[in-house]
């Protein structure tokens, strides 16, 4: 069993499940989400290069600030455009 902790409200933990991971990224669009913490963009830039070298389609996104949850419109945009999302949690 996998537990996902949500730091935005620990008073009522939500029950969530982790979605299935694809066996391969070929033919998929990978979204890279920068949560706007220092150096997250550096990590994602390197990751973008590595994925592109393997022929993976990459889209970049950024939260306005790491101190607040992601805006609903950005969440919807990412969900509509990407098969997989990698989030940078760098400092």
PDB file of N, CA and C in Angstrom:
ATOM      1  N   UNK A   1       0.839  -1.165   0.000  1.00  0.00           N
ATOM      2  CA  UNK A   1       0.000   0.000   0.000  1.00  0.00           C
ATOM      3  C   UNK A   1       0.892   1.239   0.000  1.00  0.00           C
ATOM      4  N   UNK A   2       0.526   2.240  -0.785  1.00  0.00           N
ATOM      5  CA  UNK A   2       1.273   3.488  -0.867  1.00  0.00           C
ATOM      6  C   UNK A   2       0.458   4.600  -0.236  1.00  0.00           C
ATOM      7  N   UNK A   3       1.113   5.429   0.555  1.00  0.00           N
ATOM      8  CA  UNK A   3       0.460   6.573   1.157  1.00  0.00           C
ATOM      9  C   UNK A   3       1.039   7.839   0.558  1.00  0.00           C
ATOM     10  N   UNK A   4       0.173   8.776   0.205  1.00  0.00           N
ATOM     11  CA  UNK A   4       0.590  10.068  -0.298  1.00  0.00           C
ATOM     12  C   UNK A   4       0.174  11.103   0.732  1.00  0.00           C
ATOM     13  N   UNK A   5       1.141  11.837   1.280  1.00  0.00           N
ATOM     14  CA  UNK A   5       0.839  12.856   2.270  1.00  0.00           C
ATOM     15  C   UNK A   5       0.671  14.200   1.587  1.00  0.00           C
ATOM     16  N   UNK A   6      -0.348  14.926   1.987  1.00  0.00           N
ATOM     17  CA  UNK A   6      -0.645  16.237   1.423  1.00  0.00           C
ATOM     18  C   UNK A   6      -0.318  17.292   2.468  1.00  0.00           C
ATOM     19  N   UNK A   7       0.731  18.088   2.248  1.00  0.00           N
ATOM     20  CA  UNK A   7       1.139  19.056   3.260  1.00  0.00           C
ATOM     21  C   UNK A   7       0.198  20.242   3.398  1.00  0.00           C
ATOM     22  N   UNK A   8      -0.807  20.349   2.544  1.00  0.00           N
ATOM     23  CA  UNK A   8      -1.699  21.507   2.617  1.00  0.00           C
ATOM     24  C   UNK A   8      -2.751  21.381   3.692  1.00  0.00           C
ATOM     25  N   UNK A   9      -3.031  20.181   4.191  1.00  0.00           N
ATOM     26  CA  UNK A   9      -4.047  20.033   5.232  1.00  0.00           C
ATOM     27  C   UNK A   9      -3.919  18.655   5.871  1.00  0.00           C
ATOM     28  N   UNK A  10      -3.187  18.572   6.965  1.00  0.00           N
ATOM     29  CA  UNK A  10      -2.984  17.290   7.621  1.00  0.00           C
ATOM     30  C   UNK A  10      -4.086  16.964   8.620  1.00  0.00           C
ATOM     31  N   UNK A  11      -5.022  17.861   8.844  1.00  0.00           N
ATOM     32  CA  UNK A  11      -6.075  17.595   9.821  1.00  0.00           C
ATOM     33  C   UNK A  11      -7.052  16.527   9.335  1.00  0.00           C
ATOM     34  N   UNK A  12      -7.192  16.400   8.027  1.00  0.00           N
ATOM     35  CA  UNK A  12      -8.061  15.375   7.440  1.00  0.00           C
ATOM     36  C   UNK A  12      -7.331  14.706   6.288  1.00  0.00           C
ATOM     37  N   UNK A  13      -6.495  13.721   6.572  1.00  0.00           N
ATOM     38  CA  UNK A  13      -5.759  13.070   5.482  1.00  0.00           C
ATOM     39  C   UNK A  13      -6.710  12.444   4.459  1.00  0.00           C
ATOM     40  N   UNK A  14      -6.453  12.728   3.203  1.00  0.00           N
ATOM     41  CA  UNK A  14      -7.268  12.171   2.125  1.00  0.00           C
ATOM     42  C   UNK A  14      -6.706  10.813   1.721  1.00  0.00           C
ATOM     43  N   UNK A  15      -7.581   9.915   1.367  1.00  0.00           N
ATOM     44  CA  UNK A  15      -7.163   8.614   0.871  1.00  0.00           C
ATOM     45  C   UNK A  15      -6.967   8.736  -0.635  1.00  0.00           C
ATOM     46  N   UNK A  16      -5.742   8.487  -1.096  1.00  0.00           N
ATOM     47  CA  UNK A  16      -5.434   8.590  -2.517  1.00  0.00           C
ATOM     48  C   UNK A  16      -4.691   7.349  -2.957  1.00  0.00           C
ATOM     49  N   UNK A  17      -4.796   7.059  -4.214  1.00  0.00           N
ATOM     50  CA  UNK A  17      -4.029   5.958  -4.774  1.00  0.00           C
ATOM     51  C   UNK A  17      -3.066   6.523  -5.814  1.00  0.00           C
ATOM     52  N   UNK A  18      -1.954   5.879  -5.971  1.00  0.00           N
ATOM     53  CA  UNK A  18      -0.976   6.263  -6.972  1.00  0.00           C
ATOM     54  C   UNK A  18      -1.376   5.633  -8.295  1.00  0.00           C
ATOM     55  N   UNK A  19      -1.386   6.428  -9.351  1.00  0.00           N
ATOM     56  CA  UNK A  19      -1.756   5.917 -10.662  1.00  0.00           C
ATOM     57  C   UNK A  19      -0.711   4.957 -11.200  1.00  0.00           C
ATOM     58  N   UNK A  20      -1.087   4.149 -12.156  1.00  0.00           N
ATOM     59  CA  UNK A  20      -0.135   3.190 -12.728  1.00  0.00           C
ATOM     60  C   UNK A  20       0.962   3.911 -13.505  1.00  0.00           C
ATOM     61  N   UNK A  21       2.155   3.368 -13.440  1.00  0.00           N
ATOM     62  CA  UNK A  21       3.276   3.917 -14.189  1.00  0.00           C
ATOM     63  C   UNK A  21       3.370   3.220 -15.540  1.00  0.00           C
ATOM     64  N   UNK A  22       3.679   3.978 -16.591  1.00  0.00           N
ATOM     65  CA  UNK A  22       3.838   3.328 -17.898  1.00  0.00           C
ATOM     66  C   UNK A  22       5.129   2.511 -17.930  1.00  0.00           C
ATOM     67  N   UNK A  23       5.115   1.467 -18.735  1.00  0.00           N
ATOM     68  CA  UNK A  23       6.308   0.640 -18.894  1.00  0.00           C
ATOM     69  C   UNK A  23       7.402   1.378 -19.663  1.00  0.00           C
ATOM     70  N   UNK A  24       6.987   2.314 -20.528  1.00  0.00           N
ATOM     71  CA  UNK A  24       7.909   3.000 -21.418  1.00  0.00           C
ATOM     72  C   UNK A  24       7.387   4.415 -21.659  1.00  0.00           C
ATOM     73  N   UNK A  25       8.269   5.350 -21.935  1.00  0.00           N
ATOM     74  CA  UNK A  25       7.860   6.725 -22.220  1.00  0.00           C
ATOM     75  C   UNK A  25       7.743   7.003 -23.719  1.00  0.00           C
ATOM     76  N   UNK A  26       8.086   6.017 -24.547  1.00  0.00           N
ATOM     77  CA  UNK A  26       7.995   6.196 -25.995  1.00  0.00           C
ATOM     78  C   UNK A  26       6.563   6.540 -26.391  1.00  0.00           C
ATOM     79  N   UNK A  27       6.434   7.605 -27.177  1.00  0.00           N
ATOM     80  CA  UNK A  27       5.124   8.013 -27.666  1.00  0.00           C
ATOM     81  C   UNK A  27       4.289   8.767 -26.640  1.00  0.00           C
ATOM     82  N   UNK A  28       4.836   9.049 -25.492  1.00  0.00           N
ATOM     83  CA  UNK A  28       4.098   9.755 -24.439  1.00  0.00           C
ATOM     84  C   UNK A  28       4.625  11.178 -24.298  1.00  0.00           C
ATOM     85  N   UNK A  29       3.802  12.036 -23.732  1.00  0.00           N
ATOM     86  CA  UNK A  29       4.207  13.403 -23.430  1.00  0.00           C
ATOM     87  C   UNK A  29       4.474  13.499 -21.939  1.00  0.00           C
ATOM     88  N   UNK A  30       5.673  13.965 -21.598  1.00  0.00           N
ATOM     89  CA  UNK A  30       6.068  14.105 -20.201  1.00  0.00           C
ATOM     90  C   UNK A  30       6.030  15.587 -19.834  1.00  0.00           C
ATOM     91  N   UNK A  31       5.288  15.908 -18.794  1.00  0.00           N
ATOM     92  CA  UNK A  31       5.249  17.268 -18.283  1.00  0.00           C
ATOM     93  C   UNK A  31       6.261  17.426 -17.170  1.00  0.00           C
ATOM     94  N   UNK A  32       7.027  18.490 -17.214  1.00  0.00           N
ATOM     95  CA  UNK A  32       7.994  18.794 -16.164  1.00  0.00           C
ATOM     96  C   UNK A  32       7.476  20.014 -15.411  1.00  0.00           C
ATOM     97  N   UNK A  33       7.148  19.817 -14.137  1.00  0.00           N
ATOM     98  CA  UNK A  33       6.547  20.872 -13.334  1.00  0.00           C
ATOM     99  C   UNK A  33       7.563  21.459 -12.365  1.00  0.00           C
ATOM    100  N   UNK A  34       7.852  22.721 -12.548  1.00  0.00           N
ATOM    101  CA  UNK A  34       8.731  23.468 -11.647  1.00  0.00           C
ATOM    102  C   UNK A  34       7.836  24.125 -10.597  1.00  0.00           C
ATOM    103  N   UNK A  35       8.035  23.780  -9.334  1.00  0.00           N
ATOM    104  CA  UNK A  35       7.183  24.356  -8.292  1.00  0.00           C
ATOM    105  C   UNK A  35       7.729  25.698  -7.802  1.00  0.00           C
ATOM    106  N   UNK A  36       8.740  26.213  -8.475  1.00  0.00           N
ATOM    107  CA  UNK A  36       9.316  27.533  -8.210  1.00  0.00           C
ATOM    108  C   UNK A  36      10.181  27.593  -6.960  1.00  0.00           C
ATOM    109  N   UNK A  37      10.778  26.467  -6.607  1.00  0.00           N
ATOM    110  CA  UNK A  37      11.780  26.480  -5.547  1.00  0.00           C
ATOM    111  C   UNK A  37      13.146  26.672  -6.213  1.00  0.00           C
ATOM    112  N   UNK A  38      14.095  27.233  -5.471  1.00  0.00           N
ATOM    113  CA  UNK A  38      15.418  27.484  -6.057  1.00  0.00           C
ATOM    114  C   UNK A  38      16.046  26.224  -6.657  1.00  0.00           C
ATOM    115  N   UNK A  39      16.572  26.391  -7.853  1.00  0.00           N
ATOM    116  CA  UNK A  39      17.317  25.385  -8.612  1.00  0.00           C
ATOM    117  C   UNK A  39      16.471  24.241  -9.166  1.00  0.00           C
ATOM    118  N   UNK A  40      15.168  24.263  -8.940  1.00  0.00           N
ATOM    119  CA  UNK A  40      14.309  23.254  -9.553  1.00  0.00           C
ATOM    120  C   UNK A  40      14.375  23.324 -11.061  1.00  0.00           C
ATOM    121  N   UNK A  41      14.485  24.547 -11.599  1.00  0.00           N
ATOM    122  CA  UNK A  41      14.576  24.725 -13.040  1.00  0.00           C
ATOM    123  C   UNK A  41      15.862  24.127 -13.611  1.00  0.00           C
ATOM    124  N   UNK A  42      16.927  24.134 -12.826  1.00  0.00           N
ATOM    125  CA  UNK A  42      18.196  23.546 -13.271  1.00  0.00           C
ATOM    126  C   UNK A  42      18.042  22.032 -13.406  1.00  0.00           C
ATOM    127  N   UNK A  43      17.463  21.412 -12.383  1.00  0.00           N
ATOM    128  CA  UNK A  43      17.218  19.967 -12.411  1.00  0.00           C
ATOM    129  C   UNK A  43      16.328  19.596 -13.599  1.00  0.00           C
ATOM    130  N   UNK A  44      15.233  20.343 -13.776  1.00  0.00           N
ATOM    131  CA  UNK A  44      14.307  20.020 -14.864  1.00  0.00           C
ATOM    132  C   UNK A  44      14.925  20.282 -16.235  1.00  0.00           C
ATOM    133  N   UNK A  45      15.788  21.275 -16.337  1.00  0.00           N
ATOM    134  CA  UNK A  45      16.475  21.530 -17.606  1.00  0.00           C
ATOM    135  C   UNK A  45      17.330  20.350 -18.019  1.00  0.00           C
ATOM    136  N   UNK A  46      18.049  19.795 -17.067  1.00  0.00           N
ATOM    137  CA  UNK A  46      18.886  18.616 -17.351  1.00  0.00           C
ATOM    138  C   UNK A  46      18.025  17.407 -17.701  1.00  0.00           C
ATOM    139  N   UNK A  47      16.960  17.234 -16.963  1.00  0.00           N
ATOM    140  CA  UNK A  47      16.048  16.124 -17.221  1.00  0.00           C
ATOM    141  C   UNK A  47      15.403  16.265 -18.597  1.00  0.00           C
ATOM    142  N   UNK A  48      15.034  17.476 -18.958  1.00  0.00           N
ATOM    143  CA  UNK A  48      14.456  17.727 -20.287  1.00  0.00           C
ATOM    144  C   UNK A  48      15.428  17.321 -21.386  1.00  0.00           C
ATOM    145  N   UNK A  49      16.695  17.677 -21.219  1.00  0.00           N
ATOM    146  CA  UNK A  49      17.717  17.317 -22.201  1.00  0.00           C
ATOM    147  C   UNK A  49      17.824  15.800 -22.336  1.00  0.00           C
ATOM    148  N   UNK A  50      17.890  15.101 -21.210  1.00  0.00           N
ATOM    149  CA  UNK A  50      18.019  13.638 -21.238  1.00  0.00           C
ATOM    150  C   UNK A  50      16.802  12.976 -21.887  1.00  0.00           C
ATOM    151  N   UNK A  51      15.620  13.469 -21.561  1.00  0.00           N
ATOM    152  CA  UNK A  51      14.408  12.888 -22.154  1.00  0.00           C
ATOM    153  C   UNK A  51      14.338  13.177 -23.649  1.00  0.00           C
ATOM    154  N   UNK A  52      14.657  14.394 -24.052  1.00  0.00           N
ATOM    155  CA  UNK A  52      14.617  14.760 -25.469  1.00  0.00           C
ATOM    156  C   UNK A  52      15.610  13.929 -26.279  1.00  0.00           C
ATOM    157  N   UNK A  53      16.766  13.630 -25.704  1.00  0.00           N
ATOM    158  CA  UNK A  53      17.752  12.788 -26.390  1.00  0.00           C
ATOM    159  C   UNK A  53      17.197  11.397 -26.671  1.00  0.00           C
ATOM    160  N   UNK A  54      16.237  10.976 -25.887  1.00  0.00           N
ATOM    161  CA  UNK A  54      15.598   9.658 -26.087  1.00  0.00           C
ATOM    162  C   UNK A  54      14.334   9.750 -26.926  1.00  0.00           C
ATOM    163  N   UNK A  55      14.054  10.944 -27.453  1.00  0.00           N
ATOM    164  CA  UNK A  55      12.905  11.122 -28.332  1.00  0.00           C
ATOM    165  C   UNK A  55      11.582  11.330 -27.618  1.00  0.00           C
ATOM    166  N   UNK A  56      11.621  11.640 -26.340  1.00  0.00           N
ATOM    167  CA  UNK A  56      10.396  11.848 -25.564  1.00  0.00           C
ATOM    168  C   UNK A  56       9.922  13.285 -25.755  1.00  0.00           C
ATOM    169  N   UNK A  57       8.634  13.466 -25.953  1.00  0.00           N
ATOM    170  CA  UNK A  57       8.048  14.804 -26.036  1.00  0.00           C
ATOM    171  C   UNK A  57       7.941  15.374 -24.629  1.00  0.00           C
ATOM    172  N   UNK A  58       8.474  16.592 -24.449  1.00  0.00           N
ATOM    173  CA  UNK A  58       8.509  17.209 -23.122  1.00  0.00           C
ATOM    174  C   UNK A  58       7.811  18.560 -23.161  1.00  0.00           C
ATOM    175  N   UNK A  59       7.010  18.828 -22.141  1.00  0.00           N
ATOM    176  CA  UNK A  59       6.379  20.141 -21.960  1.00  0.00           C
ATOM    177  C   UNK A  59       6.780  20.662 -20.586  1.00  0.00           C
ATOM    178  N   UNK A  60       7.078  21.957 -20.508  1.00  0.00           N
ATOM    179  CA  UNK A  60       7.479  22.569 -19.241  1.00  0.00           C
ATOM    180  C   UNK A  60       6.340  23.409 -18.671  1.00  0.00           C
ATOM    181  N   UNK A  61       6.206  23.345 -17.352  1.00  0.00           N
ATOM    182  CA  UNK A  61       5.198  24.120 -16.623  1.00  0.00           C
ATOM    183  C   UNK A  61       5.837  24.650 -15.348  1.00  0.00           C
ATOM    184  N   UNK A  62       5.261  25.724 -14.803  1.00  0.00           N
ATOM    185  CA  UNK A  62       5.767  26.264 -13.541  1.00  0.00           C
ATOM    186  C   UNK A  62       4.610  26.791 -12.706  1.00  0.00           C
ATOM    187  N   UNK A  63       4.653  26.461 -11.435  1.00  0.00           N
ATOM    188  CA  UNK A  63       3.705  27.045 -10.485  1.00  0.00           C
ATOM    189  C   UNK A  63       4.135  28.480 -10.217  1.00  0.00           C
ATOM    190  N   UNK A  64       3.178  29.373  -9.943  1.00  0.00           N
ATOM    191  CA  UNK A  64       3.553  30.753  -9.640  1.00  0.00           C
ATOM    192  C   UNK A  64       4.399  30.858  -8.363  1.00  0.00           C
ATOM    193  N   UNK A  65       4.133  30.001  -7.386  1.00  0.00           N
ATOM    194  CA  UNK A  65       4.871  30.003  -6.131  1.00  0.00           C
ATOM    195  C   UNK A  65       4.762  28.633  -5.479  1.00  0.00           C
ATOM    196  N   UNK A  66       5.800  28.244  -4.746  1.00  0.00           N
ATOM    197  CA  UNK A  66       5.752  26.948  -4.066  1.00  0.00           C
ATOM    198  C   UNK A  66       4.951  27.016  -2.778  1.00  0.00           C
ATOM    199  N   UNK A  67       4.581  28.203  -2.341  1.00  0.00           N
ATOM    200  CA  UNK A  67       3.891  28.348  -1.052  1.00  0.00           C
ATOM    201  C   UNK A  67       2.393  28.081  -1.120  1.00  0.00           C
ATOM    202  N   UNK A  68       1.863  27.923  -2.302  1.00  0.00           N
ATOM    203  CA  UNK A  68       0.421  27.689  -2.458  1.00  0.00           C
ATOM    204  C   UNK A  68       0.172  26.495  -3.368  1.00  0.00           C
ATOM    205  N   UNK A  69      -1.001  25.866  -3.229  1.00  0.00           N
ATOM    206  CA  UNK A  69      -1.339  24.766  -4.151  1.00  0.00           C
ATOM    207  C   UNK A  69      -1.369  25.256  -5.601  1.00  0.00           C
ATOM    208  N   UNK A  70      -1.208  24.343  -6.502  1.00  0.00           N
ATOM    209  CA  UNK A  70      -1.227  24.667  -7.923  1.00  0.00           C
ATOM    210  C   UNK A  70      -2.600  25.205  -8.323  1.00  0.00           C
ATOM    211  N   UNK A  71      -2.644  26.267  -9.133  1.00  0.00           N
ATOM    212  CA  UNK A  71      -3.929  26.773  -9.613  1.00  0.00           C
ATOM    213  C   UNK A  71      -4.675  25.697 -10.415  1.00  0.00           C
ATOM    214  N   UNK A  72      -5.986  25.682 -10.258  1.00  0.00           N
ATOM    215  CA  UNK A  72      -6.814  24.667 -10.919  1.00  0.00           C
ATOM    216  C   UNK A  72      -6.656  24.693 -12.439  1.00  0.00           C
ATOM    217  N   UNK A  73      -6.523  25.873 -13.040  1.00  0.00           N
ATOM    218  CA  UNK A  73      -6.392  25.938 -14.500  1.00  0.00           C
ATOM    219  C   UNK A  73      -5.071  25.338 -14.972  1.00  0.00           C
ATOM    220  N   UNK A  74      -4.004  25.511 -14.193  1.00  0.00           N
ATOM    221  CA  UNK A  74      -2.724  24.894 -14.546  1.00  0.00           C
ATOM    222  C   UNK A  74      -2.811  23.378 -14.403  1.00  0.00           C
ATOM    223  N   UNK A  75      -3.451  22.915 -13.349  1.00  0.00           N
ATOM    224  CA  UNK A  75      -3.639  21.470 -13.145  1.00  0.00           C
ATOM    225  C   UNK A  75      -4.412  20.869 -14.316  1.00  0.00           C
ATOM    226  N   UNK A  76      -5.464  21.544 -14.764  1.00  0.00           N
ATOM    227  CA  UNK A  76      -6.275  21.047 -15.888  1.00  0.00           C
ATOM    228  C   UNK A  76      -5.464  21.042 -17.181  1.00  0.00           C
ATOM    229  N   UNK A  77      -4.666  22.083 -17.396  1.00  0.00           N
ATOM    230  CA  UNK A  77      -3.831  22.156 -18.594  1.00  0.00           C
ATOM    231  C   UNK A  77      -2.837  20.991 -18.644  1.00  0.00           C
ATOM    232  N   UNK A  78      -2.182  20.736 -17.534  1.00  0.00           N
ATOM    233  CA  UNK A  78      -1.211  19.638 -17.473  1.00  0.00           C
ATOM    234  C   UNK A  78      -1.907  18.291 -17.696  1.00  0.00           C
ATOM    235  N   UNK A  79      -3.039  18.094 -17.050  1.00  0.00           N
ATOM    236  CA  UNK A  79      -3.774  16.831 -17.192  1.00  0.00           C
ATOM    237  C   UNK A  79      -4.214  16.604 -18.639  1.00  0.00           C
ATOM    238  N   UNK A  80      -4.578  17.667 -19.336  1.00  0.00           N
ATOM    239  CA  UNK A  80      -5.042  17.545 -20.719  1.00  0.00           C
ATOM    240  C   UNK A  80      -3.899  17.298 -21.703  1.00  0.00           C
ATOM    241  N   UNK A  81      -2.706  17.787 -21.383  1.00  0.00           N
ATOM    242  CA  UNK A  81      -1.605  17.754 -22.334  1.00  0.00           C
ATOM    243  C   UNK A  81      -0.554  16.675 -22.089  1.00  0.00           C
ATOM    244  N   UNK A  82      -0.560  16.056 -20.897  1.00  0.00           N
ATOM    245  CA  UNK A  82       0.533  15.149 -20.540  1.00  0.00           C
ATOM    246  C   UNK A  82       0.048  13.769 -20.122  1.00  0.00           C
ATOM    247  N   UNK A  83       0.894  12.777 -20.378  1.00  0.00           N
ATOM    248  CA  UNK A  83       0.634  11.412 -19.937  1.00  0.00           C
ATOM    249  C   UNK A  83       1.312  11.132 -18.599  1.00  0.00           C
ATOM    250  N   UNK A  84       2.442  11.794 -18.378  1.00  0.00           N
ATOM    251  CA  UNK A  84       3.264  11.595 -17.186  1.00  0.00           C
ATOM    252  C   UNK A  84       3.749  12.963 -16.728  1.00  0.00           C
ATOM    253  N   UNK A  85       3.842  13.149 -15.414  1.00  0.00           N
ATOM    254  CA  UNK A  85       4.354  14.429 -14.879  1.00  0.00           C
ATOM    255  C   UNK A  85       5.482  14.147 -13.883  1.00  0.00           C
ATOM    256  N   UNK A  86       6.543  14.921 -13.995  1.00  0.00           N
ATOM    257  CA  UNK A  86       7.650  14.873 -13.041  1.00  0.00           C
ATOM    258  C   UNK A  86       7.715  16.254 -12.407  1.00  0.00           C
ATOM    259  N   UNK A  87       7.717  16.277 -11.097  1.00  0.00           N
ATOM    260  CA  UNK A  87       7.719  17.530 -10.348  1.00  0.00           C
ATOM    261  C   UNK A  87       9.079  17.733  -9.686  1.00  0.00           C
ATOM    262  N   UNK A  88       9.639  18.936  -9.812  1.00  0.00           N
ATOM    263  CA  UNK A  88      10.940  19.234  -9.214  1.00  0.00           C
ATOM    264  C   UNK A  88      10.747  19.755  -7.791  1.00  0.00           C
ATOM    265  N   UNK A  89      11.416  19.121  -6.852  1.00  0.00           N
ATOM    266  CA  UNK A  89      11.380  19.542  -5.454  1.00  0.00           C
ATOM    267  C   UNK A  89      12.793  19.861  -5.007  1.00  0.00           C
ATOM    268  N   UNK A  90      13.453  20.764  -5.706  1.00  0.00           N
ATOM    269  CA  UNK A  90      14.850  21.084  -5.414  1.00  0.00           C
ATOM    270  C   UNK A  90      14.947  22.308  -4.523  1.00  0.00           C
ATOM    271  N   UNK A  91      16.074  22.454  -3.894  1.00  0.00           N
ATOM    272  CA  UNK A  91      16.377  23.635  -3.086  1.00  0.00           C
ATOM    273  C   UNK A  91      17.859  23.908  -3.155  1.00  0.00           C
TER     274      UNK A  91
END
